[in-house]
Amino acid sequence: MTTFSFSRWGATFLLVSLMPATGLAMTCKTQGSGEAVIRADLSSTVAIPATLPDGSAVWRSERHHLAVECSREQSGPAEDVVLYLNPENQQIGQGIRAGLTLNGVDYVQSSGRIPTQQVLPACTEGAGNIPACPKVAFNLSFSVFIEKFGPTPPSGVASDLLDYRMFQVDSANGMNPLPDNNLNYVINNLTGLRFVACSAELRVLPESVEFGSVPIKNVRVGEVATFQRFALATSRICDSPFSLNARFTPVSGTLFGDVLVPVNNDSIGIRITHAPAHRPIRFNEPFHMIDLLDDTYSGTADFNAELLWQTNTPTPGPFSAEVMVDLFYK
């Protein structure tokens, strides 16, 4: 029997003359456009259930893939490129903390530096020929997140910051103090973070989507062989209103666009669509699921799990894949 399973996880004075010269030697910006600031905007309120365990992610940015270039402002020895976390040394709020995911590793410390494994080569050019110094160009892939952590503030307000500088790309020899001279990642509108009294209960109906025997006939690549319905049912038990976004994240299988191909049979792929609109849902991307507002304490969102042929000559045999469901509160 073939199964398609889901599980829940739901005032300072700066004396430049006293700084080492190497502290001013590097500038890093995006390649081509030369951007110095990349922003993530919460854009709306984010509800944080007070009942969630510490360490639960309540918001995550999109995954960024930035082409970065670091160059010299003066000659000097080779310099490691690092990320300085929380360069302004701000407290992000109460009951929350920020984190950075880089190279598959989650970093949740509030300060310090993280290596990028990139090095700006040494240069001995004179002051009039600095542009001839070698540069270092690399791809920086990352996302940032906010998670529940620590006592819930009595006011329910998690942060009063309009923006938070998550990190700065700079030299391991010290941060460049000049504004807009090095690449910074900033989270905007943290005032939209608020605590609510409870979390949502989630059920996947059914827990395993079984396709049974699928006839191999009228096969054409990209055509739907068959489909099965499933639903996400959720409810709240407190009076705090909130909306829910969800995200489907593959646990096994290989993604090709919005199709998940099982590892044990690549003849077919699995696509999730909204029912009855049949609008495809992209894996790894949040989407609006349901509103639990006013007198609405429960609701159900319906979906189709579709099987799509990936070849004109499919191989008979079993297949399986697993997907995890994340909930995000708004």
C-alpha atoms as a PDB file:
ATOM      1  CA  MET A   1       0.000   0.000   0.000  1.00  0.00           C
ATOM      2  CA  THR A   2       1.359   3.394  -0.988  1.00  0.00           C
ATOM      3  CA  THR A   3       1.204   6.133   1.604  1.00  0.00           C
ATOM      4  CA  PHE A   4       1.716   9.867   1.561  1.00  0.00           C
ATOM      5  CA  SER A   5       2.171  10.836   5.199  1.00  0.00           C
ATOM      6  CA  PHE A   6       1.964  14.162   6.964  1.00  0.00           C
ATOM      7  CA  SER A   7       3.112  15.056  10.474  1.00  0.00           C
ATOM      8  CA  ARG A   8       2.755  18.210  12.599  1.00  0.00           C
ATOM      9  CA  TRP A   9       5.465  20.280  13.867  1.00  0.00           C
ATOM     10  CA  GLY A  10       3.460  23.114  13.752  1.00  0.00           C
ATOM     11  CA  ALA A  11      25.756  57.573  23.411  1.00  0.00           C
ATOM     12  CA  THR A  12      29.061  56.463  22.099  1.00  0.00           C
ATOM     13  CA  PHE A  13      32.000  58.483  20.768  1.00  0.00           C
ATOM     14  CA  LEU A  14      33.877  57.021  17.824  1.00  0.00           C
ATOM     15  CA  LEU A  15      37.551  57.933  17.556  1.00  0.00           C
ATOM     16  CA  VAL A  16      38.516  56.737  14.099  1.00  0.00           C
ATOM     17  CA  SER A  17      42.111  57.672  14.646  1.00  0.00           C
ATOM     18  CA  LEU A  18      42.369  55.098  17.441  1.00  0.00           C
ATOM     19  CA  MET A  19      41.041  52.189  15.363  1.00  0.00           C
ATOM     20  CA  PRO A  20      43.382  49.755  13.632  1.00  0.00           C
ATOM     21  CA  ALA A  21      43.761  50.569   9.941  1.00  0.00           C
ATOM     22  CA  THR A  22      42.562  47.076   8.997  1.00  0.00           C
ATOM     23  CA  GLY A  23      39.173  47.879  10.569  1.00  0.00           C
ATOM     24  CA  LEU A  24      38.478  50.210   7.665  1.00  0.00           C
ATOM     25  CA  ALA A  25      40.043  48.156   4.892  1.00  0.00           C
ATOM     26  CA  MET A  26      37.050  46.132   3.614  1.00  0.00           C
ATOM     27  CA  THR A  27      33.725  46.996   2.051  1.00  0.00           C
ATOM     28  CA  CYS A  28      31.127  44.331   1.131  1.00  0.00           C
ATOM     29  CA  LYS A  29      28.003  44.885  -0.975  1.00  0.00           C
ATOM     30  CA  THR A  30      25.813  42.943  -3.372  1.00  0.00           C
ATOM     31  CA  GLN A  31      27.360  42.279  -6.743  1.00  0.00           C
ATOM     32  CA  GLY A  32      26.181  44.490  -9.579  1.00  0.00           C
ATOM     33  CA  SER A  33      23.590  46.578  -7.744  1.00  0.00           C
ATOM     34  CA  GLY A  34      25.935  47.507  -4.895  1.00  0.00           C
ATOM     35  CA  GLU A  35      23.213  47.285  -2.237  1.00  0.00           C
ATOM     36  CA  ALA A  36      24.306  47.816   1.355  1.00  0.00           C
ATOM     37  CA  VAL A  37      21.001  47.033   3.099  1.00  0.00           C
ATOM     38  CA  ILE A  38      18.699  44.042   2.583  1.00  0.00           C
ATOM     39  CA  ARG A  39      15.394  44.170   4.472  1.00  0.00           C
ATOM     40  CA  ALA A  40      12.792  41.657   5.595  1.00  0.00           C
ATOM     41  CA  ASP A  41       9.439  43.187   6.467  1.00  0.00           C
ATOM     42  CA  LEU A  42       7.052  41.351   8.774  1.00  0.00           C
ATOM     43  CA  SER A  43       4.395  43.352   6.864  1.00  0.00           C
ATOM     44  CA  SER A  44       1.646  42.335   9.298  1.00  0.00           C
ATOM     45  CA  THR A  45       1.136  41.161  12.854  1.00  0.00           C
ATOM     46  CA  VAL A  46       2.649  37.867  13.942  1.00  0.00           C
ATOM     47  CA  ALA A  47       0.822  36.118  16.770  1.00  0.00           C
ATOM     48  CA  ILE A  48       2.927  34.129  19.230  1.00  0.00           C
ATOM     49  CA  PRO A  49       1.031  31.548  21.299  1.00  0.00           C
ATOM     50  CA  ALA A  50       2.160  31.841  24.911  1.00  0.00           C
ATOM     51  CA  THR A  51       1.725  28.081  25.226  1.00  0.00           C
ATOM     52  CA  LEU A  52       4.395  27.263  22.628  1.00  0.00           C
ATOM     53  CA  PRO A  53       7.592  25.732  24.018  1.00  0.00           C
ATOM     54  CA  ASP A  54      10.744  27.831  23.998  1.00  0.00           C
ATOM     55  CA  GLY A  55      12.630  27.458  20.740  1.00  0.00           C
ATOM     56  CA  SER A  56       9.515  27.327  18.544  1.00  0.00           C
ATOM     57  CA  ALA A  57       9.955  29.411  15.375  1.00  0.00           C
ATOM     58  CA  VAL A  58       7.136  31.940  14.990  1.00  0.00           C
ATOM     59  CA  TRP A  59       8.384  33.723  11.861  1.00  0.00           C
ATOM     60  CA  ARG A  60      10.974  32.987   9.209  1.00  0.00           C
ATOM     61  CA  SER A  61      12.163  35.129   6.324  1.00  0.00           C
ATOM     62  CA  GLU A  62      12.324  33.883   2.785  1.00  0.00           C
ATOM     63  CA  ARG A  63      15.567  32.177   1.873  1.00  0.00           C
ATOM     64  CA  HIS A  64      17.943  34.731   0.378  1.00  0.00           C
ATOM     65  CA  HIS A  65      20.659  33.934  -2.147  1.00  0.00           C
ATOM     66  CA  LEU A  66      22.839  37.027  -2.330  1.00  0.00           C
ATOM     67  CA  ALA A  67      25.786  37.494  -4.661  1.00  0.00           C
ATOM     68  CA  VAL A  68      28.261  39.387  -2.458  1.00  0.00           C
ATOM     69  CA  GLU A  69      31.497  41.109  -3.395  1.00  0.00           C
ATOM     70  CA  CYS A  70      34.065  42.376  -0.901  1.00  0.00           C
ATOM     71  CA  SER A  71      36.831  44.763  -1.899  1.00  0.00           C
ATOM     72  CA  ARG A  72      39.532  46.863  -0.303  1.00  0.00           C
ATOM     73  CA  GLU A  73      39.640  50.521   0.636  1.00  0.00           C
ATOM     74  CA  GLN A  74      43.358  50.310   1.374  1.00  0.00           C
ATOM     75  CA  SER A  75      46.170  47.797   1.066  1.00  0.00           C
ATOM     76  CA  GLY A  76      46.852  45.250   3.771  1.00  0.00           C
ATOM     77  CA  PRO A  77      47.113  41.570   4.658  1.00  0.00           C
ATOM     78  CA  ALA A  78      44.504  38.910   3.837  1.00  0.00           C
ATOM     79  CA  GLU A  79      41.273  39.248   5.833  1.00  0.00           C
ATOM     80  CA  ASP A  80      38.601  36.693   6.676  1.00  0.00           C
ATOM     81  CA  VAL A  81      35.017  37.698   5.838  1.00  0.00           C
ATOM     82  CA  VAL A  82      32.565  37.160   8.704  1.00  0.00           C
ATOM     83  CA  LEU A  83      29.016  37.995   9.733  1.00  0.00           C
ATOM     84  CA  TYR A  84      28.682  40.161  12.840  1.00  0.00           C
ATOM     85  CA  LEU A  85      25.421  39.300  14.607  1.00  0.00           C
ATOM     86  CA  ASN A  86      23.404  42.158  16.103  1.00  0.00           C
ATOM     87  CA  PRO A  87      26.065  44.784  15.306  1.00  0.00           C
ATOM     88  CA  GLU A  88      24.156  47.510  17.197  1.00  0.00           C
ATOM     89  CA  ASN A  89      23.942  45.279  20.288  1.00  0.00           C
ATOM     90  CA  GLN A  90      20.174  45.739  20.631  1.00  0.00           C
ATOM     91  CA  GLN A  91      17.772  43.698  22.733  1.00  0.00           C
ATOM     92  CA  ILE A  92      15.236  42.467  20.211  1.00  0.00           C
ATOM     93  CA  GLY A  93      12.375  42.259  22.720  1.00  0.00           C
ATOM     94  CA  GLN A  94      10.844  40.162  25.476  1.00  0.00           C
ATOM     95  CA  GLY A  95       9.865  36.514  25.157  1.00  0.00           C
ATOM     96  CA  ILE A  96      11.557  36.230  21.761  1.00  0.00           C
ATOM     97  CA  ARG A  97      14.990  35.920  20.195  1.00  0.00           C
ATOM     98  CA  ALA A  98      16.301  36.091  16.650  1.00  0.00           C
ATOM     99  CA  GLY A  99      18.233  33.432  14.800  1.00  0.00           C
ATOM    100  CA  LEU A 100      20.169  32.993  11.581  1.00  0.00           C
ATOM    101  CA  THR A 101      20.285  29.895   9.385  1.00  0.00           C
ATOM    102  CA  LEU A 102      23.523  29.698   7.397  1.00  0.00           C
ATOM    103  CA  ASN A 103      24.793  26.622   5.560  1.00  0.00           C
ATOM    104  CA  GLY A 104      22.101  24.513   7.209  1.00  0.00           C
ATOM    105  CA  VAL A 105      23.124  25.555  10.745  1.00  0.00           C
ATOM    106  CA  ASP A 106      20.877  27.577  13.076  1.00  0.00           C
ATOM    107  CA  TYR A 107      22.635  30.284  15.103  1.00  0.00           C
ATOM    108  CA  VAL A 108      20.644  31.813  17.952  1.00  0.00           C
ATOM    109  CA  GLN A 109      23.270  33.748  19.887  1.00  0.00           C
ATOM    110  CA  SER A 110      22.442  37.451  20.207  1.00  0.00           C
ATOM    111  CA  SER A 111      25.935  38.658  19.300  1.00  0.00           C
ATOM    112  CA  GLY A 112      29.334  37.458  18.105  1.00  0.00           C
ATOM    113  CA  ARG A 113      30.564  36.629  14.639  1.00  0.00           C
ATOM    114  CA  ILE A 114      30.070  33.744  12.223  1.00  0.00           C
ATOM    115  CA  PRO A 115      32.663  32.776   9.590  1.00  0.00           C
ATOM    116  CA  THR A 116      31.672  32.710   5.932  1.00  0.00           C
ATOM    117  CA  GLN A 117      34.732  30.652   4.871  1.00  0.00           C
ATOM    118  CA  GLN A 118      35.631  33.488   2.478  1.00  0.00           C
ATOM    119  CA  VAL A 119      38.933  35.432   2.431  1.00  0.00           C
ATOM    120  CA  LEU A 120      39.769  38.803   0.903  1.00  0.00           C
ATOM    121  CA  PRO A 121      43.305  38.374  -0.519  1.00  0.00           C
ATOM    122  CA  ALA A 122      46.217  40.486   0.640  1.00  0.00           C
ATOM    123  CA  CYS A 123      47.187  43.556  -1.383  1.00  0.00           C
ATOM    124  CA  THR A 124      50.345  45.676  -1.544  1.00  0.00           C
ATOM    125  CA  GLU A 125      49.182  48.257  -4.086  1.00  0.00           C
ATOM    126  CA  GLY A 126      49.848  51.914  -3.343  1.00  0.00           C
ATOM    127  CA  ALA A 127      47.119  54.328  -2.255  1.00  0.00           C
ATOM    128  CA  GLY A 128      46.551  55.502  -5.819  1.00  0.00           C
ATOM    129  CA  ASN A 129      45.967  52.031  -7.229  1.00  0.00           C
ATOM    130  CA  ILE A 130      43.631  50.360  -4.676  1.00  0.00           C
ATOM    131  CA  PRO A 131      41.049  49.363  -7.369  1.00  0.00           C
ATOM    132  CA  ALA A 132      43.692  46.962  -8.716  1.00  0.00           C
ATOM    133  CA  CYS A 133      43.590  44.954  -5.468  1.00  0.00           C
ATOM    134  CA  PRO A 134      41.964  41.512  -5.781  1.00  0.00           C
ATOM    135  CA  LYS A 135      38.355  41.144  -4.625  1.00  0.00           C
ATOM    136  CA  VAL A 136      36.421  38.176  -3.287  1.00  0.00           C
ATOM    137  CA  ALA A 137      32.970  37.291  -4.687  1.00  0.00           C
ATOM    138  CA  PHE A 138      30.712  34.620  -3.233  1.00  0.00           C
ATOM    139  CA  ASN A 139      27.109  33.548  -2.776  1.00  0.00           C
ATOM    140  CA  LEU A 140      25.565  34.074   0.653  1.00  0.00           C
ATOM    141  CA  SER A 141      22.523  31.829   1.209  1.00  0.00           C
ATOM    142  CA  PHE A 142      20.652  32.367   4.456  1.00  0.00           C
ATOM    143  CA  SER A 143      17.352  32.955   6.198  1.00  0.00           C
ATOM    144  CA  VAL A 144      16.565  34.541   9.544  1.00  0.00           C
ATOM    145  CA  PHE A 145      13.897  33.593  12.034  1.00  0.00           C
ATOM    146  CA  ILE A 146      12.278  34.682  15.276  1.00  0.00           C
ATOM    147  CA  GLU A 147      11.451  32.141  17.921  1.00  0.00           C
ATOM    148  CA  LYS A 148       9.672  32.162  21.257  1.00  0.00           C
ATOM    149  CA  PHE A 149      12.164  32.248  24.093  1.00  0.00           C
ATOM    150  CA  GLY A 150      11.930  33.298  27.731  1.00  0.00           C
ATOM    151  CA  PRO A 151       9.105  34.668  29.901  1.00  0.00           C
ATOM    152  CA  THR A 152       6.078  36.116  28.135  1.00  0.00           C
ATOM    153  CA  PRO A 153       5.841  39.904  28.702  1.00  0.00           C
ATOM    154  CA  PRO A 154       2.775  40.908  30.770  1.00  0.00           C
ATOM    155  CA  SER A 155       1.816  43.498  28.154  1.00  0.00           C
ATOM    156  CA  GLY A 156       1.723  40.887  25.411  1.00  0.00           C
ATOM    157  CA  VAL A 157       3.960  43.125  23.267  1.00  0.00           C
ATOM    158  CA  ALA A 158       7.047  41.215  22.167  1.00  0.00           C
ATOM    159  CA  SER A 159       9.059  44.141  20.772  1.00  0.00           C
ATOM    160  CA  ASP A 160       8.912  47.898  20.353  1.00  0.00           C
ATOM    161  CA  LEU A 161      11.631  48.060  17.686  1.00  0.00           C
ATOM    162  CA  LEU A 162      10.855  49.490  14.268  1.00  0.00           C
ATOM    163  CA  ASP A 163      13.850  47.664  12.850  1.00  0.00           C
ATOM    164  CA  TYR A 164      16.586  45.283  13.976  1.00  0.00           C
ATOM    165  CA  ARG A 165      19.970  44.879  12.317  1.00  0.00           C
ATOM    166  CA  MET A 166      20.451  41.138  12.274  1.00  0.00           C
ATOM    167  CA  PHE A 167      23.997  41.049  10.916  1.00  0.00           C
ATOM    168  CA  GLN A 168      26.706  42.920   9.015  1.00  0.00           C
ATOM    169  CA  VAL A 169      29.106  41.372   6.499  1.00  0.00           C
ATOM    170  CA  ASP A 170      32.594  42.607   7.307  1.00  0.00           C
ATOM    171  CA  SER A 171      36.225  41.851   8.102  1.00  0.00           C
ATOM    172  CA  ALA A 172      37.203  39.573  10.960  1.00  0.00           C
ATOM    173  CA  ASN A 173      39.654  42.343  11.924  1.00  0.00           C
ATOM    174  CA  GLY A 174      36.767  44.611  12.972  1.00  0.00           C
ATOM    175  CA  MET A 175      33.536  46.200  11.775  1.00  0.00           C
ATOM    176  CA  ASN A 176      33.609  49.193   9.468  1.00  0.00           C
ATOM    177  CA  PRO A 177      31.769  51.986  11.341  1.00  0.00           C
ATOM    178  CA  LEU A 178      30.845  54.004   8.241  1.00  0.00           C
ATOM    179  CA  PRO A 179      27.101  53.791   7.468  1.00  0.00           C
ATOM    180  CA  ASP A 180      25.945  52.002   4.303  1.00  0.00           C
ATOM    181  CA  ASN A 181      29.501  50.887   3.595  1.00  0.00           C
ATOM    182  CA  ASN A 182      28.987  47.192   4.308  1.00  0.00           C
ATOM    183  CA  LEU A 183      26.117  44.806   3.682  1.00  0.00           C
ATOM    184  CA  ASN A 184      23.530  44.683   6.485  1.00  0.00           C
ATOM    185  CA  TYR A 185      20.411  42.556   6.891  1.00  0.00           C
ATOM    186  CA  VAL A 186      17.570  44.363   8.692  1.00  0.00           C
ATOM    187  CA  ILE A 187      14.204  43.091   9.983  1.00  0.00           C
ATOM    188  CA  ASN A 188      11.478  45.778   9.894  1.00  0.00           C
ATOM    189  CA  ASN A 189       8.284  46.324  11.894  1.00  0.00           C
ATOM    190  CA  LEU A 190       8.928  44.125  14.927  1.00  0.00           C
ATOM    191  CA  THR A 191       6.130  46.018  16.672  1.00  0.00           C
ATOM    192  CA  GLY A 192       3.748  43.642  14.905  1.00  0.00           C
ATOM    193  CA  LEU A 193       4.882  40.749  17.125  1.00  0.00           C
ATOM    194  CA  ARG A 194       2.269  40.006  19.791  1.00  0.00           C
ATOM    195  CA  PHE A 195       1.475  37.186  22.192  1.00  0.00           C
ATOM    196  CA  VAL A 196      -1.838  35.322  22.252  1.00  0.00           C
ATOM    197  CA  ALA A 197      -3.179  33.040  24.954  1.00  0.00           C
ATOM    198  CA  CYS A 198      -3.215  29.689  23.156  1.00  0.00           C
ATOM    199  CA  SER A 199      -1.973  27.759  20.167  1.00  0.00           C
ATOM    200  CA  ALA A 200      -4.019  25.999  17.512  1.00  0.00           C
ATOM    201  CA  GLU A 201      -4.764  22.299  17.529  1.00  0.00           C
ATOM    202  CA  LEU A 202      -4.005  20.726  14.166  1.00  0.00           C
ATOM    203  CA  ARG A 203      -5.202  17.459  12.657  1.00  0.00           C
ATOM    204  CA  VAL A 204      -4.354  16.020   9.248  1.00  0.00           C
ATOM    205  CA  LEU A 205      -7.308  14.074   7.836  1.00  0.00           C
ATOM    206  CA  PRO A 206      -6.386  11.381   6.965  1.00  0.00           C
ATOM    207  CA  GLU A 207      -2.911  11.159   8.482  1.00  0.00           C
ATOM    208  CA  SER A 208      -1.752   9.028   5.530  1.00  0.00           C
ATOM    209  CA  VAL A 209      -3.005   9.597   1.997  1.00  0.00           C
ATOM    210  CA  GLU A 210      -3.227   6.222   0.279  1.00  0.00           C
ATOM    211  CA  PHE A 211      -3.456   6.109  -3.508  1.00  0.00           C
ATOM    212  CA  GLY A 212      -3.841   2.336  -3.789  1.00  0.00           C
ATOM    213  CA  SER A 213      -3.242   0.718  -7.177  1.00  0.00           C
ATOM    214  CA  VAL A 214      -2.749   3.254  -9.961  1.00  0.00           C
ATOM    215  CA  PRO A 215      -3.460   1.944 -13.498  1.00  0.00           C
ATOM    216  CA  ILE A 216      -0.655   2.574 -15.990  1.00  0.00           C
ATOM    217  CA  LYS A 217      -2.675   3.813 -18.959  1.00  0.00           C
ATOM    218  CA  ASN A 218      -3.066   6.993 -21.007  1.00  0.00           C
ATOM    219  CA  VAL A 219       0.372   7.997 -19.726  1.00  0.00           C
ATOM    220  CA  ARG A 220       1.664  11.436 -20.682  1.00  0.00           C
ATOM    221  CA  VAL A 221       4.341  13.408 -18.864  1.00  0.00           C
ATOM    222  CA  GLY A 222       2.788  16.053 -16.615  1.00  0.00           C
ATOM    223  CA  GLU A 223      -0.713  14.553 -16.732  1.00  0.00           C
ATOM    224  CA  VAL A 224      -2.549  13.759 -13.485  1.00  0.00           C
ATOM    225  CA  ALA A 225      -2.821   9.987 -13.049  1.00  0.00           C
ATOM    226  CA  THR A 226      -5.112  10.198  -9.998  1.00  0.00           C
ATOM    227  CA  PHE A 227      -5.652  12.261  -6.872  1.00  0.00           C
ATOM    228  CA  GLN A 228      -6.828  11.946  -3.279  1.00  0.00           C
ATOM    229  CA  ARG A 229      -8.361  14.523  -0.960  1.00  0.00           C
ATOM    230  CA  PHE A 230      -7.007  15.423   2.464  1.00  0.00           C
ATOM    231  CA  ALA A 231      -7.671  18.250   4.899  1.00  0.00           C
ATOM    232  CA  LEU A 232      -6.038  20.305   7.633  1.00  0.00           C
ATOM    233  CA  ALA A 233      -8.470  20.801  10.512  1.00  0.00           C
ATOM    234  CA  THR A 234      -7.621  23.320  13.226  1.00  0.00           C
ATOM    235  CA  SER A 235      -9.221  24.905  16.272  1.00  0.00           C
ATOM    236  CA  ARG A 236      -8.492  27.239  19.195  1.00  0.00           C
ATOM    237  CA  ILE A 237      -9.731  26.967  22.775  1.00  0.00           C
ATOM    238  CA  CYS A 238      -9.076  30.536  23.930  1.00  0.00           C
ATOM    239  CA  ASP A 239     -10.637  33.887  23.015  1.00  0.00           C
ATOM    240  CA  SER A 240      -7.473  35.265  21.373  1.00  0.00           C
ATOM    241  CA  PRO A 241      -8.178  35.664  17.627  1.00  0.00           C
ATOM    242  CA  PHE A 242      -5.516  34.832  15.053  1.00  0.00           C
ATOM    243  CA  SER A 243      -5.033  33.691  11.489  1.00  0.00           C
ATOM    244  CA  LEU A 244      -2.934  30.751  10.404  1.00  0.00           C
ATOM    245  CA  ASN A 245      -0.430  30.315   7.614  1.00  0.00           C
ATOM    246  CA  ALA A 246       0.871  26.851   6.847  1.00  0.00           C
ATOM    247  CA  ARG A 247       3.836  25.417   4.988  1.00  0.00           C
ATOM    248  CA  PHE A 248       4.423  21.972   3.481  1.00  0.00           C
ATOM    249  CA  THR A 249       8.050  20.889   3.868  1.00  0.00           C
ATOM    250  CA  PRO A 250       9.273  17.633   2.275  1.00  0.00           C
ATOM    251  CA  VAL A 251      10.835  15.128   4.651  1.00  0.00           C
ATOM    252  CA  SER A 252      11.757  12.687   1.893  1.00  0.00           C
ATOM    253  CA  GLY A 253      11.810  12.845  -1.888  1.00  0.00           C
ATOM    254  CA  THR A 254      13.254  15.302  -4.435  1.00  0.00           C
ATOM    255  CA  LEU A 255      11.655  18.598  -5.403  1.00  0.00           C
ATOM    256  CA  PHE A 256      11.210  19.732  -8.990  1.00  0.00           C
ATOM    257  CA  GLY A 257       9.317  23.009  -8.859  1.00  0.00           C
ATOM    258  CA  ASP A 258       5.996  22.285  -7.167  1.00  0.00           C
ATOM    259  CA  VAL A 259       6.271  18.490  -7.654  1.00  0.00           C
ATOM    260  CA  LEU A 260       7.763  16.103  -5.075  1.00  0.00           C
ATOM    261  CA  VAL A 261       9.266  12.965  -6.641  1.00  0.00           C
ATOM    262  CA  PRO A 262       9.569   9.913  -4.330  1.00  0.00           C
ATOM    263  CA  VAL A 263      13.068   8.475  -3.986  1.00  0.00           C
ATOM    264  CA  ASN A 264      11.901   4.878  -4.463  1.00  0.00           C
ATOM    265  CA  ASN A 265      10.071   5.478  -7.758  1.00  0.00           C
ATOM    266  CA  ASP A 266      10.699   8.501  -9.968  1.00  0.00           C
ATOM    267  CA  SER A 267       7.969   7.537 -12.454  1.00  0.00           C
ATOM    268  CA  ILE A 268       5.482   9.762 -10.657  1.00  0.00           C
ATOM    269  CA  GLY A 269       5.497  13.025  -8.710  1.00  0.00           C
ATOM    270  CA  ILE A 270       3.207  14.408  -6.015  1.00  0.00           C
ATOM    271  CA  ARG A 271       1.693  17.877  -6.244  1.00  0.00           C
ATOM    272  CA  ILE A 272      -0.503  19.519  -3.590  1.00  0.00           C
ATOM    273  CA  THR A 273      -3.280  21.831  -4.732  1.00  0.00           C
ATOM    274  CA  HIS A 274      -6.038  23.768  -3.023  1.00  0.00           C
ATOM    275  CA  ALA A 275      -9.454  22.159  -3.385  1.00  0.00           C
ATOM    276  CA  PRO A 276     -11.696  22.926  -5.183  1.00  0.00           C
ATOM    277  CA  ALA A 277      -9.683  25.676  -6.979  1.00  0.00           C
ATOM    278  CA  HIS A 278      -6.868  23.235  -7.947  1.00  0.00           C
ATOM    279  CA  ARG A 279      -4.299  25.994  -7.401  1.00  0.00           C
ATOM    280  CA  PRO A 280      -0.848  24.438  -6.820  1.00  0.00           C
ATOM    281  CA  ILE A 281       0.870  25.063  -3.496  1.00  0.00           C
ATOM    282  CA  ARG A 282       4.644  25.404  -3.574  1.00  0.00           C
ATOM    283  CA  PHE A 283       6.582  23.366  -1.054  1.00  0.00           C
ATOM    284  CA  ASN A 284       8.704  25.241   1.492  1.00  0.00           C
ATOM    285  CA  GLU A 285       6.647  28.443   1.050  1.00  0.00           C
ATOM    286  CA  PRO A 286       4.025  29.661   3.589  1.00  0.00           C
ATOM    287  CA  PHE A 287       0.464  30.150   2.381  1.00  0.00           C
ATOM    288  CA  HIS A 288      -2.699  31.449   4.053  1.00  0.00           C
ATOM    289  CA  MET A 289      -4.651  28.552   5.512  1.00  0.00           C
ATOM    290  CA  ILE A 290      -7.508  29.791   7.679  1.00  0.00           C
ATOM    291  CA  ASP A 291      -8.796  32.637   9.901  1.00  0.00           C
ATOM    292  CA  LEU A 292      -9.842  31.893  13.481  1.00  0.00           C
ATOM    293  CA  LEU A 293     -11.352  35.288  14.256  1.00  0.00           C
ATOM    294  CA  ASP A 294     -14.319  36.602  16.268  1.00  0.00           C
ATOM    295  CA  ASP A 295     -16.728  33.702  16.824  1.00  0.00           C
ATOM    296  CA  THR A 296     -14.867  31.282  14.551  1.00  0.00           C
ATOM    297  CA  TYR A 297     -13.095  28.772  16.777  1.00  0.00           C
ATOM    298  CA  SER A 298     -12.467  25.995  14.263  1.00  0.00           C
ATOM    299  CA  GLY A 299     -12.125  25.437  10.542  1.00  0.00           C
ATOM    300  CA  THR A 300     -10.940  23.101   7.819  1.00  0.00           C
ATOM    301  CA  ALA A 301      -8.840  23.669   4.699  1.00  0.00           C
ATOM    302  CA  ASP A 302      -9.201  21.106   1.905  1.00  0.00           C
ATOM    303  CA  PHE A 303      -6.444  19.962  -0.461  1.00  0.00           C
ATOM    304  CA  ASN A 304      -5.755  17.511  -3.259  1.00  0.00           C
ATOM    305  CA  ALA A 305      -2.694  15.276  -3.404  1.00  0.00           C
ATOM    306  CA  GLU A 306      -2.221  14.703  -7.140  1.00  0.00           C
ATOM    307  CA  LEU A 307      -0.061  12.076  -8.848  1.00  0.00           C
ATOM    308  CA  LEU A 308       1.615  13.347 -12.009  1.00  0.00           C
ATOM    309  CA  TRP A 309       3.409  11.156 -14.532  1.00  0.00           C
ATOM    310  CA  GLN A 310       7.106  12.014 -14.781  1.00  0.00           C
ATOM    311  CA  THR A 311       7.862   9.722 -17.731  1.00  0.00           C
ATOM    312  CA  ASN A 312       6.033   8.179 -20.656  1.00  0.00           C
ATOM    313  CA  THR A 313       7.354   4.750 -19.666  1.00  0.00           C
ATOM    314  CA  PRO A 314       6.664   4.443 -15.923  1.00  0.00           C
ATOM    315  CA  THR A 315       8.093   1.642 -13.809  1.00  0.00           C
ATOM    316  CA  PRO A 316       5.492  -0.354 -11.822  1.00  0.00           C
ATOM    317  CA  GLY A 317       6.057  -0.568  -8.080  1.00  0.00           C
ATOM    318  CA  PRO A 318       5.423   1.088  -4.733  1.00  0.00           C
ATOM    319  CA  PHE A 319       6.330   4.669  -3.849  1.00  0.00           C
ATOM    320  CA  SER A 320       6.141   6.821  -0.731  1.00  0.00           C
ATOM    321  CA  ALA A 321       7.009  10.314   0.460  1.00  0.00           C
ATOM    322  CA  GLU A 322       6.562  12.273   3.655  1.00  0.00           C
ATOM    323  CA  VAL A 323       5.713  15.914   4.179  1.00  0.00           C
ATOM    324  CA  MET A 324       5.780  17.992   7.354  1.00  0.00           C
ATOM    325  CA  VAL A 325       3.210  20.701   8.088  1.00  0.00           C
ATOM    326  CA  ASP A 326       4.338  23.896   9.833  1.00  0.00           C
ATOM    327  CA  LEU A 327       1.925  26.457  11.296  1.00  0.00           C
ATOM    328  CA  PHE A 328       2.609  30.200  11.485  1.00  0.00           C
ATOM    329  CA  TYR A 329       0.370  32.524  13.494  1.00  0.00           C
ATOM    330  CA  LYS A 330      -0.722  35.973  12.364  1.00  0.00           C
END
